[in-house]
Amino acid sequence: MSSAAFVLIVEDEVGHGEAIAEALESARYACHLVHSGEAAVESIRQRPPDVVVTDYKLGGKITGLDVLRESKRVSPDTEVILITAYGSESLAREALSRDNDASAAYDYLIKPIDIDVLRDKVERAASQATVARESSLLRKQVDEAFVFSGIIGNSDVVKREIKRLKKIARSKSTILIVGETGTGKELFAQAIHQNSPRSGKPFKVLNCAAVSETLLESELFGHVKGAFTGAVVDRKGLIQSADGGTVFLDEIGDMPLTMQAKLLRTLETGEVLPVGTNDTLYFDVRFVAATNRDLSELVRQGDFREDLFYRVHAHGAIRIPPLRQRREDIPVLVQRFIAQANREHDTSIVSASSEVIRKLMNYEWPGNVRELRNVVERMCLESDGPLLTVSDLPDQMRATTEIVPAGPPNLAGMTMADVEKLHIVNTLRMFGGNRERTAKALGIGARTLYRKLADYDLK
């Protein structure tokens, strides 16, 4: 914590101020020493510190209380420690218990100062300031994020698919959602249902890959008593149970061919034939299908019916990108999962440090959003403090390859061409190699980006 904290020291006694600075710098704090309230106010406005250590009396028009007020006005997350002379503790205690808690001091010290006590108070103040700063940053990102029916994101690709979702949700047509495992296909399906005229009706889910072929027909269409061994009573299928609502067929690419033919008939006619009877039933159901497989390739291989493919693909697919291609959504997703963990497990995590966010953004996420949620939940359960730090990360995420850099590189001595090339490479990495999104982020046209990639021999 101390290596990252910036401390402003305000002391009109030069020797005393230098002694405080030396004591804190030996603990690896970055310190800036000024000798007047006026200089302190100017410094705070130029670079808000994490912690201010200020004498109560500064020998000028601006007092330590004025420095406190200006610190809180410019940077509410900054913590202020007042120094007061022996016998004047009541003034400092008053600053700690001001009517407006937002402008209260963090703590106070009495002269002569005990160096160990000083370091301890600054360490705790810096820790609290860091938690507050990181939390404010993530809250700001969450506030600016695009939220729609539980779907959250800042990335253009997510916003684009949500825009399409809004348009087609009100139709009656079957919709196909495509995305890798863990990207949130069921969440998108629920959003379609909630924003359709069927939102007040049932939403039923069937995972086609999790049910055996012999039971899949019964699960979907139902059966009558005696239809097969163990069928001791009539049973409604998902379609009948969802009458008027939506049936979500997850992993439709794993549905056996025989069932595909029966499903196609239902999609075309609205007819349902329960197992064990010839009595046709009719239900009003909207289907949303999802898959993590390439259905067009399955059609070429003969594993998926071409007529069913065109039926579910009539509006084109809603494509959910993998998390590695929408890294800019990770900060807001982390804050959401922290809030969920706090509700479900009675934890009290405030936020994640910027270093943690950077590490998470540099990870490849083979399990996508589901993996991120599980990682954040685990970190919240095991963390010892209100801020998730690098020590809380799983081992494989602590040494990630730099895809999203920690900060701007040192460009001194580089040619403009080298700087441009580096910037293009870093932006491409951030967007998982997606050239369209890279060009938009760089503020250039796609054709210009292709030309520059060729000029710099970038594959």
Protein backbone atom coordinates (compact mmCIF):
# COMPACT_ATOMS: atom_id res chain seq x y z
CA MET A 1 0.00 0.00 0.00
CA SER A 2 2.66 2.48 1.02
CA SER A 3 4.58 2.27 -2.26
CA ALA A 4 1.51 3.55 -4.13
CA ALA A 5 0.34 6.26 -1.69
CA PHE A 6 1.05 9.95 -2.24
CA VAL A 7 1.27 12.03 0.96
CA LEU A 8 1.15 15.83 1.15
CA ILE A 9 2.89 17.21 4.25
CA VAL A 10 1.96 20.74 5.34
CA GLU A 11 4.20 22.14 8.08
CA ASP A 12 5.39 25.74 8.51
CA GLU A 13 8.31 24.64 10.70
CA VAL A 14 10.83 23.60 8.05
CA GLY A 15 12.85 21.22 10.24
CA HIS A 16 9.78 19.52 11.62
CA GLY A 17 8.31 19.09 8.14
CA GLU A 18 11.53 17.60 6.80
CA ALA A 19 11.65 15.13 9.69
CA ILE A 20 8.09 13.96 8.92
CA ALA A 21 8.89 13.64 5.20
CA GLU A 22 12.05 11.65 5.94
CA ALA A 23 10.16 9.28 8.25
CA LEU A 24 7.44 8.61 5.67
CA GLU A 25 9.79 8.36 2.70
CA SER A 26 11.76 5.70 4.57
CA ALA A 27 8.48 3.73 4.61
CA ARG A 28 8.35 4.15 0.80
CA TYR A 29 5.62 6.78 0.62
CA ALA A 30 5.82 9.39 -2.11
CA CYS A 31 5.90 12.68 -0.21
CA HIS A 32 5.56 16.35 -1.12
CA LEU A 33 6.42 18.93 1.57
CA VAL A 34 5.06 22.47 1.60
CA HIS A 35 5.40 25.13 4.29
CA SER A 36 2.18 27.14 4.02
CA GLY A 37 -1.55 26.68 3.67
CA GLU A 38 -1.52 28.60 0.39
CA ALA A 39 1.08 26.21 -1.10
CA ALA A 40 -0.93 23.25 0.20
CA VAL A 41 -4.13 24.41 -1.52
CA GLU A 42 -2.27 24.90 -4.81
CA SER A 43 -0.67 21.44 -4.54
CA ILE A 44 -4.02 19.78 -3.77
CA ARG A 45 -5.62 21.36 -6.83
CA GLN A 46 -2.76 20.26 -9.08
CA ARG A 47 -2.47 16.70 -7.77
CA PRO A 48 -4.94 15.46 -5.14
CA PRO A 49 -3.03 13.35 -2.59
CA ASP A 50 -4.09 10.12 -0.93
CA VAL A 51 -3.25 11.47 2.52
CA VAL A 52 -2.62 14.98 3.87
CA VAL A 53 -0.61 15.41 7.08
CA THR A 54 -1.05 19.03 8.12
CA ASP A 55 -0.29 21.15 11.14
CA TYR A 56 -3.36 22.80 12.64
CA LYS A 57 -1.65 26.21 12.88
CA LEU A 58 0.27 27.24 9.78
CA GLY A 59 1.20 30.82 10.59
CA GLY A 60 -0.82 32.37 7.78
CA LYS A 61 -4.41 33.12 6.78
CA ILE A 62 -5.04 29.51 5.74
CA THR A 63 -5.19 27.05 8.65
CA GLY A 64 -5.09 23.27 8.81
CA LEU A 65 -8.91 23.26 8.86
CA ASP A 66 -8.93 25.20 5.60
CA VAL A 67 -6.55 22.63 4.10
CA LEU A 68 -8.91 19.90 5.32
CA ARG A 69 -11.94 21.56 3.70
CA GLU A 70 -10.12 22.13 0.39
CA SER A 71 -8.84 18.54 0.34
CA LYS A 72 -12.35 17.16 0.76
CA ARG A 73 -13.77 19.58 -1.79
CA VAL A 74 -11.25 18.66 -4.49
CA SER A 75 -10.91 14.98 -3.62
CA PRO A 76 -13.49 13.51 -1.19
CA ASP A 77 -11.49 10.27 -1.00
CA THR A 78 -8.39 12.03 0.40
CA GLU A 79 -7.80 11.40 4.11
CA VAL A 80 -6.46 14.18 6.34
CA ILE A 81 -4.45 13.82 9.55
CA LEU A 82 -4.17 16.96 11.68
CA ILE A 83 -1.15 17.78 13.86
CA THR A 84 -1.85 19.82 16.96
CA ALA A 85 0.07 21.01 19.99
CA TYR A 86 -0.39 19.43 23.40
CA GLY A 87 -3.42 20.94 25.09
CA SER A 88 -5.21 21.69 21.83
CA GLU A 89 -6.54 18.17 21.24
CA SER A 90 -10.13 19.41 21.50
CA LEU A 91 -9.71 21.35 18.25
CA ALA A 92 -8.56 18.22 16.41
CA ARG A 93 -11.32 16.08 17.94
CA GLU A 94 -13.83 18.66 16.74
CA ALA A 95 -12.47 18.27 13.21
CA LEU A 96 -12.95 14.50 13.50
CA SER A 97 -16.61 14.84 14.47
CA ARG A 98 -17.79 17.62 12.20
CA ASP A 99 -21.51 17.71 11.42
CA ASN A 100 -20.75 16.90 7.79
CA ASP A 101 -18.93 13.56 7.99
CA ALA A 102 -17.75 13.96 4.40
CA SER A 103 -15.49 16.83 5.49
CA ALA A 104 -14.23 15.24 8.69
CA ALA A 105 -10.55 14.58 9.39
CA TYR A 106 -9.35 11.00 9.51
CA ASP A 107 -7.28 11.31 12.72
CA TYR A 108 -4.93 13.62 14.60
CA LEU A 109 -1.44 13.61 16.12
CA ILE A 110 -0.12 15.50 19.13
CA LYS A 111 3.29 17.15 19.18
CA PRO A 112 5.91 15.91 19.77
CA ILE A 113 5.12 13.24 17.18
CA ASP A 114 5.90 9.57 17.75
CA ILE A 115 7.29 8.36 14.39
CA ASP A 116 5.85 4.85 14.77
CA VAL A 117 2.41 6.26 15.55
CA LEU A 118 2.72 8.61 12.55
CA ARG A 119 3.54 5.75 10.17
CA ASP A 120 0.73 3.61 11.56
CA LYS A 121 -1.90 6.34 11.15
CA VAL A 122 -0.69 7.23 7.65
CA GLU A 123 -0.73 3.56 6.62
CA ARG A 124 -4.33 3.12 7.79
CA ALA A 125 -5.39 6.41 6.22
CA ALA A 126 -3.70 5.51 2.92
CA SER A 127 -5.40 2.13 2.95
CA GLN A 128 -8.82 3.71 3.49
CA ALA A 129 -8.18 6.34 0.81
CA THR A 130 -7.14 3.67 -1.68
CA VAL A 131 -10.28 1.63 -1.03
CA ALA A 132 -12.45 4.71 -1.45
CA ARG A 133 -10.64 5.83 -4.62
CA GLU A 134 -10.82 2.42 -6.30
CA SER A 135 -14.47 2.07 -5.32
CA SER A 136 -15.31 5.52 -6.72
CA LEU A 137 -13.55 4.69 -9.97
CA LEU A 138 -15.45 1.43 -10.45
CA ARG A 139 -18.76 3.01 -9.43
CA LYS A 140 -18.21 5.70 -12.06
CA GLN A 141 -17.57 3.02 -14.69
CA VAL A 142 -20.70 1.14 -13.60
CA ASP A 143 -22.76 4.35 -13.72
CA GLU A 144 -21.54 5.01 -17.25
CA ALA A 145 -22.09 1.43 -18.40
CA PHE A 146 -24.93 0.42 -20.68
CA VAL A 147 -27.44 -1.71 -18.76
CA PHE A 148 -30.37 -3.50 -20.37
CA SER A 149 -32.49 -6.18 -18.68
CA GLY A 150 -29.57 -7.45 -16.61
CA ILE A 151 -27.03 -7.21 -19.45
CA ILE A 152 -24.22 -4.78 -18.68
CA GLY A 153 -21.32 -3.57 -20.78
CA ASN A 154 -19.36 -0.65 -22.17
CA SER A 155 -18.18 -2.36 -25.36
CA ASP A 156 -19.59 -1.36 -28.73
CA VAL A 157 -20.15 -4.97 -29.73
CA VAL A 158 -22.43 -5.65 -26.74
CA LYS A 159 -24.33 -2.41 -27.32
CA ARG A 160 -24.80 -3.34 -30.98
CA GLU A 161 -26.23 -6.78 -30.18
CA ILE A 162 -28.53 -5.31 -27.53
CA LYS A 163 -29.82 -2.84 -30.10
CA ARG A 164 -30.66 -5.77 -32.41
CA LEU A 165 -32.19 -7.67 -29.49
CA LYS A 166 -34.58 -4.79 -28.76
CA LYS A 167 -35.81 -4.76 -32.34
CA ILE A 168 -36.48 -8.48 -32.71
CA ALA A 169 -37.69 -9.19 -29.16
CA ARG A 170 -41.21 -8.07 -30.00
CA SER A 171 -41.52 -10.39 -32.99
CA LYS A 172 -42.93 -13.90 -32.87
CA SER A 173 -40.05 -15.46 -34.78
CA THR A 174 -37.57 -17.97 -33.42
CA ILE A 175 -34.28 -16.32 -32.44
CA LEU A 176 -30.82 -17.90 -32.43
CA ILE A 177 -28.12 -16.82 -29.96
CA VAL A 178 -24.53 -17.85 -30.68
CA GLY A 179 -21.65 -17.65 -28.23
CA GLU A 180 -18.98 -19.64 -26.44
CA THR A 181 -19.79 -21.47 -23.23
CA GLY A 182 -20.10 -19.06 -20.33
CA THR A 183 -20.77 -15.91 -22.36
CA GLY A 184 -24.30 -15.43 -20.96
CA LYS A 185 -26.59 -16.82 -23.66
CA GLU A 186 -29.38 -17.58 -21.19
CA LEU A 187 -29.21 -14.01 -19.85
CA PHE A 188 -29.75 -12.73 -23.40
CA ALA A 189 -32.64 -15.18 -23.86
CA GLN A 190 -34.26 -13.90 -20.67
CA ALA A 191 -33.83 -10.33 -21.91
CA ILE A 192 -35.62 -11.26 -25.15
CA HIS A 193 -38.49 -12.75 -23.16
CA GLN A 194 -38.72 -9.81 -20.74
CA ASN A 195 -38.88 -7.30 -23.60
CA SER A 196 -41.47 -9.18 -25.62
CA PRO A 197 -45.29 -9.15 -25.33
CA ARG A 198 -44.89 -12.51 -23.55
CA SER A 199 -42.99 -11.07 -20.58
CA GLY A 200 -45.77 -11.90 -18.11
CA LYS A 201 -45.90 -15.54 -19.22
CA PRO A 202 -43.61 -18.52 -18.36
CA PHE A 203 -39.95 -18.73 -19.44
CA LYS A 204 -38.87 -22.38 -19.64
CA VAL A 205 -35.34 -23.68 -20.22
CA LEU A 206 -34.21 -26.99 -21.76
CA ASN A 207 -30.53 -27.85 -22.14
CA CYS A 208 -30.49 -30.14 -25.16
CA ALA A 209 -26.99 -31.40 -24.29
CA ALA A 210 -27.90 -32.36 -20.71
CA VAL A 211 -30.85 -34.67 -21.46
CA SER A 212 -30.55 -38.12 -23.00
CA GLU A 213 -32.08 -38.69 -26.43
CA THR A 214 -34.70 -41.05 -24.99
CA LEU A 215 -35.94 -38.43 -22.50
CA LEU A 216 -35.58 -35.31 -24.66
CA GLU A 217 -38.85 -35.85 -26.56
CA SER A 218 -40.78 -36.39 -23.32
CA GLU A 219 -39.19 -33.31 -21.71
CA LEU A 220 -40.15 -31.12 -24.63
CA PHE A 221 -43.52 -32.54 -25.75
CA GLY A 222 -44.72 -34.41 -22.65
CA HIS A 223 -46.12 -37.95 -22.47
CA VAL A 224 -49.24 -39.86 -21.51
CA LYS A 225 -49.58 -42.58 -18.91
CA GLY A 226 -48.13 -45.88 -20.12
CA ALA A 227 -46.15 -44.34 -22.98
CA PHE A 228 -43.01 -46.09 -21.72
CA THR A 229 -41.73 -47.87 -18.63
CA GLY A 230 -42.01 -45.53 -15.68
CA ALA A 231 -44.66 -43.30 -17.27
CA VAL A 232 -47.22 -43.85 -14.50
CA VAL A 233 -49.08 -40.55 -15.03
CA ASP A 234 -49.64 -38.04 -17.81
CA ARG A 235 -46.92 -35.38 -17.82
CA LYS A 236 -46.88 -31.96 -19.44
CA GLY A 237 -43.89 -31.08 -21.58
CA LEU A 238 -42.02 -27.77 -21.50
CA ILE A 239 -43.97 -26.45 -24.47
CA GLN A 240 -47.32 -27.02 -22.77
CA SER A 241 -46.01 -25.56 -19.50
CA ALA A 242 -44.80 -22.45 -21.33
CA ASP A 243 -48.07 -21.81 -23.21
CA GLY A 244 -48.18 -18.12 -24.08
CA GLY A 245 -44.55 -17.67 -23.08
CA THR A 246 -41.04 -18.60 -24.23
CA VAL A 247 -39.06 -21.85 -24.43
CA PHE A 248 -35.28 -21.48 -24.40
CA LEU A 249 -33.53 -24.37 -26.15
CA ASP A 250 -29.94 -24.18 -24.97
CA GLU A 251 -27.24 -25.98 -26.99
CA ILE A 252 -29.61 -26.80 -29.84
CA GLY A 253 -26.59 -27.92 -31.87
CA ASP A 254 -26.46 -31.06 -29.70
CA MET A 255 -30.07 -32.06 -30.41
CA PRO A 256 -30.35 -35.49 -32.13
CA LEU A 257 -31.50 -35.47 -35.77
CA THR A 258 -34.71 -37.37 -34.99
CA MET A 259 -35.71 -34.69 -32.47
CA GLN A 260 -34.74 -31.95 -34.90
CA ALA A 261 -37.38 -33.19 -37.33
CA LYS A 262 -40.07 -33.17 -34.63
CA LEU A 263 -39.04 -29.74 -33.41
CA LEU A 264 -39.18 -28.37 -36.97
CA ARG A 265 -42.76 -29.62 -37.32
CA THR A 266 -43.73 -27.86 -34.10
CA LEU A 267 -42.05 -24.62 -35.22
CA GLU A 268 -43.91 -24.69 -38.53
CA THR A 269 -47.37 -25.78 -37.36
CA GLY A 270 -47.56 -25.08 -33.63
CA GLU A 271 -48.57 -28.72 -33.15
CA VAL A 272 -47.32 -30.82 -30.24
CA LEU A 273 -47.66 -34.60 -30.15
CA PRO A 274 -47.03 -36.01 -26.65
CA VAL A 275 -45.22 -39.33 -26.47
CA GLY A 276 -47.65 -42.27 -26.50
CA THR A 277 -50.61 -40.59 -28.19
CA ASN A 278 -51.81 -39.51 -31.62
CA ASP A 279 -53.86 -36.64 -30.24
CA THR A 280 -52.35 -33.37 -31.47
CA LEU A 281 -52.24 -30.39 -29.12
CA TYR A 282 -51.72 -26.75 -30.06
CA PHE A 283 -49.83 -24.17 -28.02
CA ASP A 284 -48.69 -20.58 -28.50
CA VAL A 285 -44.97 -20.60 -27.68
CA ARG A 286 -42.03 -18.49 -28.83
CA PHE A 287 -38.70 -20.34 -29.17
CA VAL A 288 -35.26 -18.91 -28.47
CA ALA A 289 -32.38 -21.25 -29.34
CA ALA A 290 -28.71 -21.01 -28.43
CA THR A 291 -25.52 -22.83 -29.32
CA ASN A 292 -21.77 -22.66 -28.83
CA ARG A 293 -21.22 -24.56 -32.08
CA ASP A 294 -21.11 -23.54 -35.74
CA LEU A 295 -24.50 -24.69 -37.01
CA SER A 296 -23.62 -24.04 -40.65
CA GLU A 297 -20.65 -26.39 -40.28
CA LEU A 298 -22.89 -28.98 -38.60
CA VAL A 299 -25.23 -28.71 -41.59
CA ARG A 300 -22.33 -29.42 -43.97
CA GLN A 301 -21.37 -32.43 -41.85
CA GLY A 302 -24.94 -33.75 -41.89
CA ASP A 303 -25.38 -33.38 -38.12
CA PHE A 304 -27.94 -30.58 -38.25
CA ARG A 305 -30.96 -30.27 -40.51
CA GLU A 306 -30.62 -27.55 -43.12
CA ASP A 307 -34.34 -26.68 -42.99
CA LEU A 308 -34.21 -26.31 -39.20
CA PHE A 309 -31.08 -24.16 -39.49
CA TYR A 310 -32.81 -21.71 -41.80
CA ARG A 311 -35.87 -21.71 -39.54
CA VAL A 312 -33.95 -20.70 -36.40
CA HIS A 313 -31.57 -18.45 -38.36
CA ALA A 314 -34.28 -16.43 -40.12
CA HIS A 315 -33.25 -13.14 -38.47
CA GLY A 316 -29.56 -13.96 -38.34
CA ALA A 317 -27.92 -14.81 -35.06
CA ILE A 318 -27.36 -12.60 -32.04
CA ARG A 319 -23.64 -13.14 -31.45
CA ILE A 320 -22.25 -12.71 -27.95
CA PRO A 321 -18.49 -12.11 -28.12
CA PRO A 322 -16.15 -13.97 -25.76
CA LEU A 323 -14.89 -11.96 -22.82
CA ARG A 324 -11.38 -11.69 -24.28
CA GLN A 325 -12.88 -9.64 -27.12
CA ARG A 326 -14.74 -7.27 -24.81
CA ARG A 327 -12.12 -6.62 -22.13
CA GLU A 328 -13.41 -3.09 -21.56
CA ASP A 329 -16.52 -4.66 -19.95
CA ILE A 330 -14.49 -6.43 -17.24
CA PRO A 331 -14.36 -3.53 -14.70
CA VAL A 332 -18.15 -3.11 -14.62
CA LEU A 333 -18.72 -6.87 -14.53
CA VAL A 334 -16.32 -7.16 -11.57
CA GLN A 335 -18.23 -4.53 -9.62
CA ARG A 336 -21.51 -6.27 -10.38
CA PHE A 337 -20.18 -9.64 -9.20
CA ILE A 338 -18.78 -8.05 -6.03
CA ALA A 339 -22.27 -6.70 -5.27
CA GLN A 340 -23.77 -10.14 -5.94
CA ALA A 341 -21.26 -11.83 -3.64
CA ASN A 342 -22.00 -9.32 -0.88
CA ARG A 343 -25.73 -10.06 -1.14
CA GLU A 344 -25.43 -13.83 -1.37
CA HIS A 345 -22.61 -14.46 1.12
CA ASP A 346 -22.93 -11.48 3.49
CA THR A 347 -19.44 -10.26 2.58
CA SER A 348 -18.53 -6.57 2.71
CA ILE A 349 -16.13 -6.05 -0.19
CA VAL A 350 -16.14 -2.46 -1.42
CA SER A 351 -14.19 -2.77 -4.65
CA ALA A 352 -11.18 -4.23 -6.47
CA SER A 353 -7.86 -2.44 -6.83
CA SER A 354 -6.85 -1.02 -10.19
CA GLU A 355 -3.98 -3.53 -10.27
CA VAL A 356 -6.46 -6.40 -9.86
CA ILE A 357 -8.61 -4.99 -12.66
CA ARG A 358 -5.56 -4.75 -14.92
CA LYS A 359 -4.60 -8.37 -14.16
CA LEU A 360 -8.14 -9.53 -14.88
CA MET A 361 -8.21 -7.60 -18.15
CA ASN A 362 -4.96 -9.26 -19.20
CA TYR A 363 -6.28 -12.80 -18.60
CA GLU A 364 -7.65 -14.79 -21.56
CA TRP A 365 -10.86 -16.07 -19.83
CA PRO A 366 -11.48 -19.42 -21.52
CA GLY A 367 -14.59 -19.77 -19.33
CA ASN A 368 -15.79 -16.26 -20.23
CA VAL A 369 -18.17 -14.29 -17.98
CA ARG A 370 -19.09 -17.37 -15.95
CA GLU A 371 -15.43 -17.91 -15.05
CA LEU A 372 -15.03 -14.23 -14.12
CA ARG A 373 -18.06 -14.43 -11.83
CA ASN A 374 -16.69 -17.52 -10.09
CA VAL A 375 -13.24 -15.93 -9.66
CA VAL A 376 -14.67 -12.73 -8.17
CA GLU A 377 -16.95 -14.69 -5.84
CA ARG A 378 -14.01 -16.76 -4.59
CA MET A 379 -11.89 -13.66 -4.06
CA CYS A 380 -14.68 -11.98 -2.07
CA LEU A 381 -15.03 -15.03 0.19
CA GLU A 382 -11.29 -15.31 0.85
CA SER A 383 -10.24 -11.64 1.04
CA ASP A 384 -9.12 -10.25 4.40
CA GLY A 385 -10.01 -6.63 3.67
CA PRO A 386 -12.62 -4.45 1.97
CA LEU A 387 -10.48 -4.10 -1.18
CA LEU A 388 -9.64 -7.03 -3.45
CA THR A 389 -5.86 -6.99 -4.00
CA VAL A 390 -3.41 -8.94 -6.16
CA SER A 391 -2.79 -11.37 -3.29
CA ASP A 392 -6.46 -12.43 -3.56
CA LEU A 393 -6.09 -13.43 -7.23
CA PRO A 394 -5.78 -17.08 -8.27
CA ASP A 395 -2.15 -18.02 -8.98
CA GLN A 396 -2.59 -18.28 -12.76
CA MET A 397 -3.79 -14.66 -12.97
CA ARG A 398 -0.96 -12.98 -11.07
CA ALA A 399 1.59 -13.31 -13.89
CA THR A 400 -0.49 -12.48 -16.95
CA THR A 401 0.95 -11.30 -20.25
CA GLU A 402 0.54 -7.54 -20.73
CA ILE A 403 -2.32 -7.06 -23.19
CA VAL A 404 -3.82 -4.04 -21.47
CA PRO A 405 -0.78 -2.04 -20.29
CA ALA A 406 -0.50 -0.65 -16.76
CA GLY A 407 0.02 2.88 -18.04
CA PRO A 408 1.52 4.87 -20.88
CA PRO A 409 4.96 3.55 -21.92
CA ASN A 410 8.07 5.69 -21.96
CA LEU A 411 8.03 7.03 -25.52
CA ALA A 412 11.18 9.15 -25.25
CA GLY A 413 13.58 8.43 -28.11
CA MET A 414 11.01 6.59 -30.23
CA THR A 415 10.16 7.78 -33.73
CA MET A 416 6.59 8.85 -34.48
CA ALA A 417 6.23 5.77 -36.67
CA ASP A 418 7.32 3.52 -33.79
CA VAL A 419 4.87 5.25 -31.45
CA GLU A 420 2.02 4.79 -33.92
CA LYS A 421 2.91 1.14 -34.46
CA LEU A 422 3.02 0.49 -30.70
CA HIS A 423 -0.34 2.19 -30.23
CA ILE A 424 -1.94 0.13 -33.00
CA VAL A 425 -0.52 -3.12 -31.58
CA ASN A 426 -1.76 -2.36 -28.04
CA THR A 427 -5.23 -1.41 -29.28
CA LEU A 428 -5.46 -4.56 -31.41
CA ARG A 429 -4.53 -6.64 -28.38
CA MET A 430 -7.13 -4.91 -26.24
CA PHE A 431 -9.88 -5.80 -28.73
CA GLY A 432 -8.71 -9.37 -29.28
CA GLY A 433 -7.52 -8.66 -32.83
CA ASN A 434 -10.89 -7.26 -33.94
CA ARG A 435 -9.93 -4.78 -36.66
CA GLU A 436 -13.28 -3.05 -36.97
CA ARG A 437 -13.39 -2.17 -33.26
CA THR A 438 -9.69 -1.26 -33.29
CA ALA A 439 -10.19 1.20 -36.15
CA LYS A 440 -13.14 2.81 -34.37
CA ALA A 441 -11.16 3.14 -31.12
CA LEU A 442 -8.25 4.70 -33.01
CA GLY A 443 -10.56 7.13 -34.76
CA ILE A 444 -9.61 6.01 -38.26
CA GLY A 445 -11.37 4.17 -41.05
CA ALA A 446 -11.07 0.42 -41.52
CA ARG A 447 -9.27 0.88 -44.85
CA THR A 448 -6.74 3.20 -43.19
CA LEU A 449 -6.10 0.61 -40.50
CA TYR A 450 -5.57 -2.16 -43.08
CA ARG A 451 -3.08 0.06 -44.91
CA LYS A 452 -1.15 0.80 -41.73
CA LEU A 453 -1.09 -2.90 -40.80
CA ALA A 454 0.49 -3.60 -44.18
CA ASP A 455 2.92 -0.66 -43.86
CA TYR A 456 4.12 -1.91 -40.45
CA ASP A 457 4.03 -5.58 -41.50
CA LEU A 458 1.61 -6.43 -38.67
CA LYS A 459 -0.18 -9.74 -38.96
